[in-house]
Amino acid sequence: MTTVEQAYRIAEGITRAEARNFYYGIRLLPREKRTAMCAVYALGRRIDDVADGELAPATKVAELTSIRKSLESMDNSSDPVLVALADAARRFPIPIATFGELIDGAHMDVDGAEYRDFDELVAYCRTGAGATGRLCLSIFGPVSPTTSQYADQLGIALQQTNILRDVREDFLNGRIYLPSGELERFGVRLRLDDAGALDDPDGRLAALLRFSADRAADWYSLGLRLIPHLDRRSAACCATMSTIYRHQLALIRASPAIVYDRRISLSGLKKARLAAAALAFSVTGVGRACLPVQRLL
């Protein structure tokens, strides 16, 4: 039988292997919070893997239903990820029902949902990264209507960045998250050129991506109001993850074509520097960990 300690090691291994940006942030947390965050991530990763995998749609639906059902009896589960999550939920006020929102978002991906306008896209983002933000807040603390709103907004900002970063990869997988009304307004039809890159002969796609990046930056401004409410280690964690994603967003804003033929990422050294800077500011208390986000972009 899997012990709690073994379960946490498995969850942390999943997080370290699958969540490069996320893990750089949570490394700054004290052990109890870090292991709980890994448990949350590991189950979220499992849900995403079902939605993004190569199974038939009907099989994906069955798998998601099974995951939803497993949450009802996780206290008696032998599944290492659920063992770790159940223990974390005993130590922190993790809203387990919020995983249902992640599963709802995964169903939207399986169904090939499209988004007519930005409001519809926000609703989708709220089931994904917004829900993840609220799950993380339950471990960071404190949880209140105000901090929950900020965590939700920050999660939505992060997911908008992912959408812009992964626009080509998602298109290759048959998914378009950019709202169809905005594609029409900017005169964009997503397609590939002969080299397999996104085709943008007249710069209209670049204009749409810049517009979308500016809007995502506004959501960061809303969501980063969370940081002053957190303790210093949690603030450093949140600031690090946000800074990594905001740096990627700044790269896309400066040169949208950077995502036309690849998925951009930051080097391990760059991420480590961002993490170190965020921790240094949080330890000294300068700017309550907000300065790394502002200065390092």
C-alpha atoms as a PDB file:
ATOM      1  CA  MET A   1       0.000   0.000   0.000  1.00  0.00           C
ATOM      2  CA  THR A   2       1.265   3.481  -0.874  1.00  0.00           C
ATOM      3  CA  THR A   3       2.241   5.548   2.145  1.00  0.00           C
ATOM      4  CA  VAL A   4       1.460   9.246   2.289  1.00  0.00           C
ATOM      5  CA  GLU A   5       5.166  10.073   1.979  1.00  0.00           C
ATOM      6  CA  GLN A   6       5.499   7.861  -1.090  1.00  0.00           C
ATOM      7  CA  ALA A   7       2.363   9.412  -2.578  1.00  0.00           C
ATOM      8  CA  TYR A   8       3.794  12.908  -2.180  1.00  0.00           C
ATOM      9  CA  ARG A   9       7.059  11.847  -3.811  1.00  0.00           C
ATOM     10  CA  ILE A  10       5.129  10.517  -6.805  1.00  0.00           C
ATOM     11  CA  ALA A  11       3.074  13.718  -7.070  1.00  0.00           C
ATOM     12  CA  GLU A  12       6.212  15.840  -6.835  1.00  0.00           C
ATOM     13  CA  GLY A  13       7.891  13.736  -9.526  1.00  0.00           C
ATOM     14  CA  ILE A  14       4.930  14.329 -11.843  1.00  0.00           C
ATOM     15  CA  THR A  15       5.056  18.063 -11.177  1.00  0.00           C
ATOM     16  CA  ARG A  16       8.807  18.324 -11.685  1.00  0.00           C
ATOM     17  CA  ALA A  17       8.637  16.405 -14.984  1.00  0.00           C
ATOM     18  CA  GLU A  18       5.494  17.953 -16.476  1.00  0.00           C
ATOM     19  CA  ALA A  19       5.240  21.516 -15.155  1.00  0.00           C
ATOM     20  CA  ARG A  20       8.462  23.381 -15.752  1.00  0.00           C
ATOM     21  CA  ASN A  21       7.055  26.871 -15.183  1.00  0.00           C
ATOM     22  CA  PHE A  22       4.834  25.833 -12.285  1.00  0.00           C
ATOM     23  CA  TYR A  23       7.588  23.931 -10.502  1.00  0.00           C
ATOM     24  CA  TYR A  24      10.013  26.842 -10.595  1.00  0.00           C
ATOM     25  CA  GLY A  25       7.510  28.816  -8.571  1.00  0.00           C
ATOM     26  CA  ILE A  26       6.483  26.203  -6.032  1.00  0.00           C
ATOM     27  CA  ARG A  27      10.098  25.363  -5.191  1.00  0.00           C
ATOM     28  CA  LEU A  28      10.048  28.599  -3.179  1.00  0.00           C
ATOM     29  CA  LEU A  29       7.321  27.342  -0.841  1.00  0.00           C
ATOM     30  CA  PRO A  30       7.906  25.651   2.519  1.00  0.00           C
ATOM     31  CA  ARG A  31       7.741  21.867   2.246  1.00  0.00           C
ATOM     32  CA  GLU A  32       4.187  21.434   3.551  1.00  0.00           C
ATOM     33  CA  LYS A  33       2.759  23.870   1.010  1.00  0.00           C
ATOM     34  CA  ARG A  34       5.000  22.627  -1.794  1.00  0.00           C
ATOM     35  CA  THR A  35       3.907  19.008  -1.436  1.00  0.00           C
ATOM     36  CA  ALA A  36       0.244  20.032  -1.267  1.00  0.00           C
ATOM     37  CA  MET A  37       0.638  22.079  -4.454  1.00  0.00           C
ATOM     38  CA  CYS A  38       2.220  19.062  -6.167  1.00  0.00           C
ATOM     39  CA  ALA A  39      -0.768  16.926  -5.184  1.00  0.00           C
ATOM     40  CA  VAL A  40      -3.145  19.506  -6.663  1.00  0.00           C
ATOM     41  CA  TYR A  41      -1.072  19.776  -9.831  1.00  0.00           C
ATOM     42  CA  ALA A  42      -0.771  16.010 -10.302  1.00  0.00           C
ATOM     43  CA  LEU A  43      -4.536  15.524 -10.415  1.00  0.00           C
ATOM     44  CA  GLY A  44      -4.975  18.562 -12.651  1.00  0.00           C
ATOM     45  CA  ARG A  45      -2.328  17.112 -14.966  1.00  0.00           C
ATOM     46  CA  ARG A  46      -4.194  13.819 -15.103  1.00  0.00           C
ATOM     47  CA  ILE A  47      -7.369  15.620 -16.159  1.00  0.00           C
ATOM     48  CA  ASP A  48      -5.514  17.588 -18.854  1.00  0.00           C
ATOM     49  CA  ASP A  49      -3.784  14.468 -20.153  1.00  0.00           C
ATOM     50  CA  VAL A  50      -7.121  12.787 -20.721  1.00  0.00           C
ATOM     51  CA  ALA A  51      -8.450  15.770 -22.664  1.00  0.00           C
ATOM     52  CA  ASP A  52      -5.239  16.182 -24.695  1.00  0.00           C
ATOM     53  CA  GLY A  53      -4.524  12.498 -25.283  1.00  0.00           C
ATOM     54  CA  GLU A  54      -5.144  10.317 -28.319  1.00  0.00           C
ATOM     55  CA  LEU A  55      -8.042   8.308 -26.946  1.00  0.00           C
ATOM     56  CA  ALA A  56     -11.377   8.256 -28.740  1.00  0.00           C
ATOM     57  CA  PRO A  57     -13.760  10.989 -27.512  1.00  0.00           C
ATOM     58  CA  ALA A  58     -16.117   8.466 -25.906  1.00  0.00           C
ATOM     59  CA  THR A  59     -13.217   6.924 -24.004  1.00  0.00           C
ATOM     60  CA  LYS A  60     -12.089  10.362 -22.845  1.00  0.00           C
ATOM     61  CA  VAL A  61     -15.560  11.102 -21.516  1.00  0.00           C
ATOM     62  CA  ALA A  62     -15.552   7.798 -19.640  1.00  0.00           C
ATOM     63  CA  GLU A  63     -12.111   8.540 -18.170  1.00  0.00           C
ATOM     64  CA  LEU A  64     -13.184  12.006 -17.023  1.00  0.00           C
ATOM     65  CA  THR A  65     -16.307  10.535 -15.454  1.00  0.00           C
ATOM     66  CA  SER A  66     -14.131   8.022 -13.620  1.00  0.00           C
ATOM     67  CA  ILE A  67     -11.877  10.779 -12.271  1.00  0.00           C
ATOM     68  CA  ARG A  68     -14.900  12.760 -11.082  1.00  0.00           C
ATOM     69  CA  LYS A  69     -16.257   9.656  -9.347  1.00  0.00           C
ATOM     70  CA  SER A  70     -12.892   8.880  -7.730  1.00  0.00           C
ATOM     71  CA  LEU A  71     -12.927  12.217  -5.903  1.00  0.00           C
ATOM     72  CA  GLU A  72     -15.977  11.102  -3.949  1.00  0.00           C
ATOM     73  CA  SER A  73     -14.047   8.274  -2.284  1.00  0.00           C
ATOM     74  CA  MET A  74     -10.485   9.561  -2.345  1.00  0.00           C
ATOM     75  CA  ASP A  75     -10.067   9.088   1.427  1.00  0.00           C
ATOM     76  CA  ASN A  76     -10.212   5.328   0.811  1.00  0.00           C
ATOM     77  CA  SER A  77      -8.217   5.323  -2.430  1.00  0.00           C
ATOM     78  CA  SER A  78      -4.913   3.531  -3.026  1.00  0.00           C
ATOM     79  CA  ASP A  79      -4.132   5.766  -6.023  1.00  0.00           C
ATOM     80  CA  PRO A  80      -0.957   7.684  -5.044  1.00  0.00           C
ATOM     81  CA  VAL A  81      -2.158  11.000  -6.461  1.00  0.00           C
ATOM     82  CA  LEU A  82      -5.455  10.745  -4.581  1.00  0.00           C
ATOM     83  CA  VAL A  83      -3.665   9.604  -1.412  1.00  0.00           C
ATOM     84  CA  ALA A  84      -1.511  12.745  -1.576  1.00  0.00           C
ATOM     85  CA  LEU A  85      -4.480  14.978  -2.387  1.00  0.00           C
ATOM     86  CA  ALA A  86      -6.597  13.553   0.426  1.00  0.00           C
ATOM     87  CA  ASP A  87      -3.820  14.245   2.913  1.00  0.00           C
ATOM     88  CA  ALA A  88      -3.310  17.763   1.541  1.00  0.00           C
ATOM     89  CA  ALA A  89      -7.052  18.413   1.879  1.00  0.00           C
ATOM     90  CA  ARG A  90      -6.824  17.488   5.551  1.00  0.00           C
ATOM     91  CA  ARG A  91      -4.100  20.087   6.080  1.00  0.00           C
ATOM     92  CA  PHE A  92      -5.437  22.873   3.865  1.00  0.00           C
ATOM     93  CA  PRO A  93      -8.965  24.026   2.919  1.00  0.00           C
ATOM     94  CA  ILE A  94      -8.667  22.706  -0.641  1.00  0.00           C
ATOM     95  CA  PRO A  95     -12.066  22.983  -2.380  1.00  0.00           C
ATOM     96  CA  ILE A  96     -12.170  19.507  -3.908  1.00  0.00           C
ATOM     97  CA  ALA A  97     -15.369  20.377  -5.789  1.00  0.00           C
ATOM     98  CA  THR A  98     -13.330  22.853  -7.840  1.00  0.00           C
ATOM     99  CA  PHE A  99     -11.701  19.903  -9.620  1.00  0.00           C
ATOM    100  CA  GLY A 100     -15.149  19.411 -11.101  1.00  0.00           C
ATOM    101  CA  GLU A 101     -14.668  22.725 -12.913  1.00  0.00           C
ATOM    102  CA  LEU A 102     -11.386  21.431 -14.361  1.00  0.00           C
ATOM    103  CA  ILE A 103     -13.216  18.346 -15.565  1.00  0.00           C
ATOM    104  CA  ASP A 104     -15.942  20.537 -17.092  1.00  0.00           C
ATOM    105  CA  GLY A 105     -13.255  22.459 -18.995  1.00  0.00           C
ATOM    106  CA  ALA A 106     -11.720  19.197 -20.181  1.00  0.00           C
ATOM    107  CA  HIS A 107     -15.128  18.149 -21.524  1.00  0.00           C
ATOM    108  CA  MET A 108     -15.233  21.401 -23.499  1.00  0.00           C
ATOM    109  CA  ASP A 109     -11.903  20.481 -25.092  1.00  0.00           C
ATOM    110  CA  VAL A 110     -13.075  16.964 -25.872  1.00  0.00           C
ATOM    111  CA  ASP A 111     -16.240  18.362 -27.461  1.00  0.00           C
ATOM    112  CA  GLY A 112     -14.168  20.744 -29.594  1.00  0.00           C
ATOM    113  CA  ALA A 113     -15.913  23.811 -28.209  1.00  0.00           C
ATOM    114  CA  GLU A 114     -15.386  27.084 -30.069  1.00  0.00           C
ATOM    115  CA  TYR A 115     -15.666  30.578 -28.649  1.00  0.00           C
ATOM    116  CA  ARG A 116     -17.544  33.284 -30.459  1.00  0.00           C
ATOM    117  CA  ASP A 117     -16.411  36.180 -28.292  1.00  0.00           C
ATOM    118  CA  PHE A 118     -14.034  36.948 -25.467  1.00  0.00           C
ATOM    119  CA  ASP A 119     -16.683  36.522 -22.773  1.00  0.00           C
ATOM    120  CA  GLU A 120     -17.145  32.915 -23.865  1.00  0.00           C
ATOM    121  CA  LEU A 121     -13.385  32.395 -23.800  1.00  0.00           C
ATOM    122  CA  VAL A 122     -13.189  33.850 -20.276  1.00  0.00           C
ATOM    123  CA  ALA A 123     -15.850  31.366 -19.152  1.00  0.00           C
ATOM    124  CA  TYR A 124     -13.680  28.560 -20.508  1.00  0.00           C
ATOM    125  CA  CYS A 125     -10.523  29.982 -18.891  1.00  0.00           C
ATOM    126  CA  ARG A 126     -12.352  30.189 -15.582  1.00  0.00           C
ATOM    127  CA  THR A 127     -12.924  26.407 -15.653  1.00  0.00           C
ATOM    128  CA  GLY A 128      -9.214  25.832 -16.261  1.00  0.00           C
ATOM    129  CA  ALA A 129      -6.541  28.179 -14.995  1.00  0.00           C
ATOM    130  CA  GLY A 130      -9.042  30.257 -13.028  1.00  0.00           C
ATOM    131  CA  ALA A 131     -10.075  27.166 -11.070  1.00  0.00           C
ATOM    132  CA  THR A 132      -6.410  26.235 -10.659  1.00  0.00           C
ATOM    133  CA  GLY A 133      -5.717  29.686  -9.262  1.00  0.00           C
ATOM    134  CA  ARG A 134      -8.420  29.244  -6.648  1.00  0.00           C
ATOM    135  CA  LEU A 135      -7.086  25.794  -5.743  1.00  0.00           C
ATOM    136  CA  CYS A 136      -3.614  27.270  -5.271  1.00  0.00           C
ATOM    137  CA  LEU A 137      -5.019  30.067  -3.122  1.00  0.00           C
ATOM    138  CA  SER A 138      -6.461  27.497  -0.732  1.00  0.00           C
ATOM    139  CA  ILE A 139      -2.866  26.470  -0.011  1.00  0.00           C
ATOM    140  CA  PHE A 140      -1.309  29.940  -0.140  1.00  0.00           C
ATOM    141  CA  GLY A 141      -4.010  31.527   2.022  1.00  0.00           C
ATOM    142  CA  PRO A 142      -5.824  33.621   2.993  1.00  0.00           C
ATOM    143  CA  VAL A 143      -9.057  32.708   1.209  1.00  0.00           C
ATOM    144  CA  SER A 144     -11.670  35.467   0.969  1.00  0.00           C
ATOM    145  CA  PRO A 145     -14.045  36.729  -1.722  1.00  0.00           C
ATOM    146  CA  THR A 146     -11.438  39.359  -2.649  1.00  0.00           C
ATOM    147  CA  THR A 147      -8.418  37.063  -2.839  1.00  0.00           C
ATOM    148  CA  SER A 148     -10.470  34.415  -4.663  1.00  0.00           C
ATOM    149  CA  GLN A 149     -11.398  36.984  -7.298  1.00  0.00           C
ATOM    150  CA  TYR A 150      -7.767  38.030  -7.735  1.00  0.00           C
ATOM    151  CA  ALA A 151      -6.604  34.399  -7.968  1.00  0.00           C
ATOM    152  CA  ASP A 152      -9.266  33.722 -10.585  1.00  0.00           C
ATOM    153  CA  GLN A 153      -8.201  36.777 -12.616  1.00  0.00           C
ATOM    154  CA  LEU A 154      -4.533  35.831 -12.434  1.00  0.00           C
ATOM    155  CA  GLY A 155      -5.323  32.315 -13.593  1.00  0.00           C
ATOM    156  CA  ILE A 156      -7.277  33.702 -16.548  1.00  0.00           C
ATOM    157  CA  ALA A 157      -4.284  35.920 -17.440  1.00  0.00           C
ATOM    158  CA  LEU A 158      -1.973  32.895 -17.380  1.00  0.00           C
ATOM    159  CA  GLN A 159      -4.287  30.875 -19.601  1.00  0.00           C
ATOM    160  CA  GLN A 160      -4.583  33.703 -22.112  1.00  0.00           C
ATOM    161  CA  THR A 161      -0.784  33.648 -22.323  1.00  0.00           C
ATOM    162  CA  ASN A 162      -0.874  29.901 -22.934  1.00  0.00           C
ATOM    163  CA  ILE A 163      -3.418  30.360 -25.713  1.00  0.00           C
ATOM    164  CA  LEU A 164      -1.223  32.899 -27.503  1.00  0.00           C
ATOM    165  CA  ARG A 165       1.951  30.875 -26.934  1.00  0.00           C
ATOM    166  CA  ASP A 166       0.372  27.639 -28.189  1.00  0.00           C
ATOM    167  CA  VAL A 167      -1.744  29.008 -31.029  1.00  0.00           C
ATOM    168  CA  ARG A 168       0.064  26.947 -33.686  1.00  0.00           C
ATOM    169  CA  GLU A 169       0.220  23.766 -31.608  1.00  0.00           C
ATOM    170  CA  ASP A 170      -3.472  23.994 -30.765  1.00  0.00           C
ATOM    171  CA  PHE A 171      -4.338  24.625 -34.412  1.00  0.00           C
ATOM    172  CA  LEU A 172      -2.401  21.506 -35.429  1.00  0.00           C
ATOM    173  CA  ASN A 173      -4.458  19.579 -32.865  1.00  0.00           C
ATOM    174  CA  GLY A 174      -7.715  20.910 -34.311  1.00  0.00           C
ATOM    175  CA  ARG A 175      -8.382  23.498 -31.614  1.00  0.00           C
ATOM    176  CA  ILE A 176      -8.829  27.230 -32.022  1.00  0.00           C
ATOM    177  CA  TYR A 177      -9.183  29.215 -28.825  1.00  0.00           C
ATOM    178  CA  LEU A 178      -8.978  32.682 -30.382  1.00  0.00           C
ATOM    179  CA  PRO A 179     -12.589  33.942 -30.496  1.00  0.00           C
ATOM    180  CA  SER A 180     -14.110  33.500 -33.949  1.00  0.00           C
ATOM    181  CA  GLY A 181     -15.637  36.987 -33.822  1.00  0.00           C
ATOM    182  CA  GLU A 182     -12.172  38.501 -33.334  1.00  0.00           C
ATOM    183  CA  LEU A 183     -10.678  36.370 -36.112  1.00  0.00           C
ATOM    184  CA  GLU A 184     -13.372  37.776 -38.383  1.00  0.00           C
ATOM    185  CA  ARG A 185     -12.861  41.341 -37.165  1.00  0.00           C
ATOM    186  CA  PHE A 186      -9.141  41.208 -37.865  1.00  0.00           C
ATOM    187  CA  GLY A 187      -9.624  39.358 -41.149  1.00  0.00           C
ATOM    188  CA  VAL A 188      -7.655  36.300 -40.008  1.00  0.00           C
ATOM    189  CA  ARG A 189      -8.031  32.747 -41.278  1.00  0.00           C
ATOM    190  CA  LEU A 190      -5.653  30.402 -39.512  1.00  0.00           C
ATOM    191  CA  ARG A 191      -3.663  28.278 -41.953  1.00  0.00           C
ATOM    192  CA  LEU A 192      -0.134  26.965 -42.459  1.00  0.00           C
ATOM    193  CA  ASP A 193       2.371  27.973 -45.105  1.00  0.00           C
ATOM    194  CA  ASP A 194       4.463  25.498 -47.096  1.00  0.00           C
ATOM    195  CA  ALA A 195       7.018  25.289 -44.279  1.00  0.00           C
ATOM    196  CA  GLY A 196       4.385  24.378 -41.693  1.00  0.00           C
ATOM    197  CA  ALA A 197       4.370  27.767 -39.959  1.00  0.00           C
ATOM    198  CA  LEU A 198       1.290  29.895 -39.424  1.00  0.00           C
ATOM    199  CA  ASP A 199       0.701  31.921 -42.564  1.00  0.00           C
ATOM    200  CA  ASP A 200       0.385  35.676 -42.088  1.00  0.00           C
ATOM    201  CA  PRO A 201       1.146  37.424 -45.389  1.00  0.00           C
ATOM    202  CA  ASP A 202      -0.496  40.723 -44.465  1.00  0.00           C
ATOM    203  CA  GLY A 203       0.263  40.944 -40.739  1.00  0.00           C
ATOM    204  CA  ARG A 204      -3.352  40.584 -39.655  1.00  0.00           C
ATOM    205  CA  LEU A 205      -2.629  37.663 -37.360  1.00  0.00           C
ATOM    206  CA  ALA A 206       0.211  39.651 -35.784  1.00  0.00           C
ATOM    207  CA  ALA A 207      -2.186  42.512 -35.140  1.00  0.00           C
ATOM    208  CA  LEU A 208      -4.690  40.156 -33.474  1.00  0.00           C
ATOM    209  CA  LEU A 209      -2.005  38.580 -31.280  1.00  0.00           C
ATOM    210  CA  ARG A 210      -0.747  42.007 -30.163  1.00  0.00           C
ATOM    211  CA  PHE A 211      -4.296  43.070 -29.351  1.00  0.00           C
ATOM    212  CA  SER A 212      -4.815  39.852 -27.377  1.00  0.00           C
ATOM    213  CA  ALA A 213      -1.476  40.269 -25.568  1.00  0.00           C
ATOM    214  CA  ASP A 214      -2.406  43.798 -24.486  1.00  0.00           C
ATOM    215  CA  ARG A 215      -5.672  42.472 -23.101  1.00  0.00           C
ATOM    216  CA  ALA A 216      -3.906  39.659 -21.250  1.00  0.00           C
ATOM    217  CA  ALA A 217      -1.571  42.232 -19.700  1.00  0.00           C
ATOM    218  CA  ASP A 218      -4.617  44.021 -18.310  1.00  0.00           C
ATOM    219  CA  TRP A 219      -5.749  40.766 -16.673  1.00  0.00           C
ATOM    220  CA  TYR A 220      -2.337  40.420 -15.046  1.00  0.00           C
ATOM    221  CA  SER A 221      -2.774  43.896 -13.614  1.00  0.00           C
ATOM    222  CA  LEU A 222      -6.025  42.725 -12.052  1.00  0.00           C
ATOM    223  CA  GLY A 223      -4.756  39.368 -10.830  1.00  0.00           C
ATOM    224  CA  LEU A 224      -1.450  40.551  -9.395  1.00  0.00           C
ATOM    225  CA  ARG A 225      -3.386  42.478  -6.773  1.00  0.00           C
ATOM    226  CA  LEU A 226      -3.353  39.103  -5.014  1.00  0.00           C
ATOM    227  CA  ILE A 227       0.352  39.226  -4.141  1.00  0.00           C
ATOM    228  CA  PRO A 228       0.248  41.780  -1.279  1.00  0.00           C
ATOM    229  CA  HIS A 229      -2.296  39.552   0.484  1.00  0.00           C
ATOM    230  CA  LEU A 230       0.075  36.544   0.604  1.00  0.00           C
ATOM    231  CA  ASP A 231       2.830  35.625   3.020  1.00  0.00           C
ATOM    232  CA  ARG A 232       6.321  36.243   1.662  1.00  0.00           C
ATOM    233  CA  ARG A 233       7.112  32.716   0.464  1.00  0.00           C
ATOM    234  CA  SER A 234       3.725  32.325  -1.206  1.00  0.00           C
ATOM    235  CA  ALA A 235       4.095  35.804  -2.723  1.00  0.00           C
ATOM    236  CA  ALA A 236       7.499  34.837  -4.121  1.00  0.00           C
ATOM    237  CA  CYS A 237       6.022  31.659  -5.609  1.00  0.00           C
ATOM    238  CA  CYS A 238       3.141  33.539  -7.206  1.00  0.00           C
ATOM    239  CA  ALA A 239       5.410  36.326  -8.450  1.00  0.00           C
ATOM    240  CA  THR A 240       7.830  33.839 -10.016  1.00  0.00           C
ATOM    241  CA  MET A 241       5.182  31.956 -11.961  1.00  0.00           C
ATOM    242  CA  SER A 242       3.552  35.190 -13.076  1.00  0.00           C
ATOM    243  CA  THR A 243       6.876  36.701 -14.147  1.00  0.00           C
ATOM    244  CA  ILE A 244       7.775  33.679 -16.278  1.00  0.00           C
ATOM    245  CA  TYR A 245       4.456  33.874 -18.104  1.00  0.00           C
ATOM    246  CA  ARG A 246       4.525  37.660 -18.402  1.00  0.00           C
ATOM    247  CA  HIS A 247       7.997  37.444 -19.905  1.00  0.00           C
ATOM    248  CA  GLN A 248       6.642  35.061 -22.540  1.00  0.00           C
ATOM    249  CA  LEU A 249       3.734  37.425 -23.146  1.00  0.00           C
ATOM    250  CA  ALA A 250       6.151  40.331 -23.616  1.00  0.00           C
ATOM    251  CA  LEU A 251       8.089  38.308 -26.212  1.00  0.00           C
ATOM    252  CA  ILE A 252       4.876  37.617 -28.131  1.00  0.00           C
ATOM    253  CA  ARG A 253       3.801  41.264 -27.910  1.00  0.00           C
ATOM    254  CA  ALA A 254       7.164  42.420 -29.270  1.00  0.00           C
ATOM    255  CA  SER A 255       7.265  39.892 -32.115  1.00  0.00           C
ATOM    256  CA  PRO A 256       4.090  37.834 -32.674  1.00  0.00           C
ATOM    257  CA  ALA A 257       5.759  35.804 -35.432  1.00  0.00           C
ATOM    258  CA  ILE A 258       7.834  34.104 -32.739  1.00  0.00           C
ATOM    259  CA  VAL A 259       4.938  31.673 -32.189  1.00  0.00           C
ATOM    260  CA  TYR A 260       4.254  31.000 -35.866  1.00  0.00           C
ATOM    261  CA  ASP A 261       6.573  28.004 -36.115  1.00  0.00           C
ATOM    262  CA  ARG A 262       7.348  26.961 -32.533  1.00  0.00           C
ATOM    263  CA  ARG A 263       6.290  26.983 -28.924  1.00  0.00           C
ATOM    264  CA  ILE A 264       8.426  29.496 -27.075  1.00  0.00           C
ATOM    265  CA  SER A 265       9.944  28.701 -23.700  1.00  0.00           C
ATOM    266  CA  LEU A 266      12.480  30.206 -21.328  1.00  0.00           C
ATOM    267  CA  SER A 267      15.738  28.512 -20.461  1.00  0.00           C
ATOM    268  CA  GLY A 268      16.209  26.874 -17.085  1.00  0.00           C
ATOM    269  CA  LEU A 269      18.811  29.508 -16.240  1.00  0.00           C
ATOM    270  CA  LYS A 270      16.383  32.337 -17.020  1.00  0.00           C
ATOM    271  CA  LYS A 271      13.669  30.755 -14.887  1.00  0.00           C
ATOM    272  CA  ALA A 272      16.110  30.214 -12.039  1.00  0.00           C
ATOM    273  CA  ARG A 273      17.120  33.881 -12.139  1.00  0.00           C
ATOM    274  CA  LEU A 274      13.491  34.959 -12.039  1.00  0.00           C
ATOM    275  CA  ALA A 275      12.843  32.656  -9.090  1.00  0.00           C
ATOM    276  CA  ALA A 276      15.921  33.908  -7.227  1.00  0.00           C
ATOM    277  CA  ALA A 277      14.963  37.536  -7.785  1.00  0.00           C
ATOM    278  CA  ALA A 278      11.401  36.957  -6.602  1.00  0.00           C
ATOM    279  CA  LEU A 279      12.621  35.190  -3.467  1.00  0.00           C
ATOM    280  CA  ALA A 280      15.180  37.920  -2.710  1.00  0.00           C
ATOM    281  CA  PHE A 281      12.553  40.647  -2.926  1.00  0.00           C
ATOM    282  CA  SER A 282      10.096  38.665  -0.819  1.00  0.00           C
ATOM    283  CA  VAL A 283      12.660  37.981   1.909  1.00  0.00           C
ATOM    284  CA  THR A 284      13.604  41.652   2.208  1.00  0.00           C
ATOM    285  CA  GLY A 285       9.970  42.662   1.968  1.00  0.00           C
ATOM    286  CA  VAL A 286      10.685  45.176  -0.804  1.00  0.00           C
ATOM    287  CA  GLY A 287       7.488  45.798  -2.738  1.00  0.00           C
ATOM    288  CA  ARG A 288       5.878  42.703  -1.109  1.00  0.00           C
ATOM    289  CA  ALA A 289       7.220  40.633  -4.006  1.00  0.00           C
ATOM    290  CA  CYS A 290       5.616  42.832  -6.664  1.00  0.00           C
ATOM    291  CA  LEU A 291       8.855  44.382  -7.874  1.00  0.00           C
ATOM    292  CA  PRO A 292      10.267  41.273  -9.566  1.00  0.00           C
ATOM    293  CA  VAL A 293       7.225  41.168 -11.821  1.00  0.00           C
ATOM    294  CA  GLN A 294       7.649  44.810 -12.791  1.00  0.00           C
ATOM    295  CA  ARG A 295      11.415  45.011 -13.148  1.00  0.00           C
ATOM    296  CA  LEU A 296      12.270  41.749 -14.838  1.00  0.00           C
ATOM    297  CA  LEU A 297      10.095  42.185 -17.939  1.00  0.00           C
END
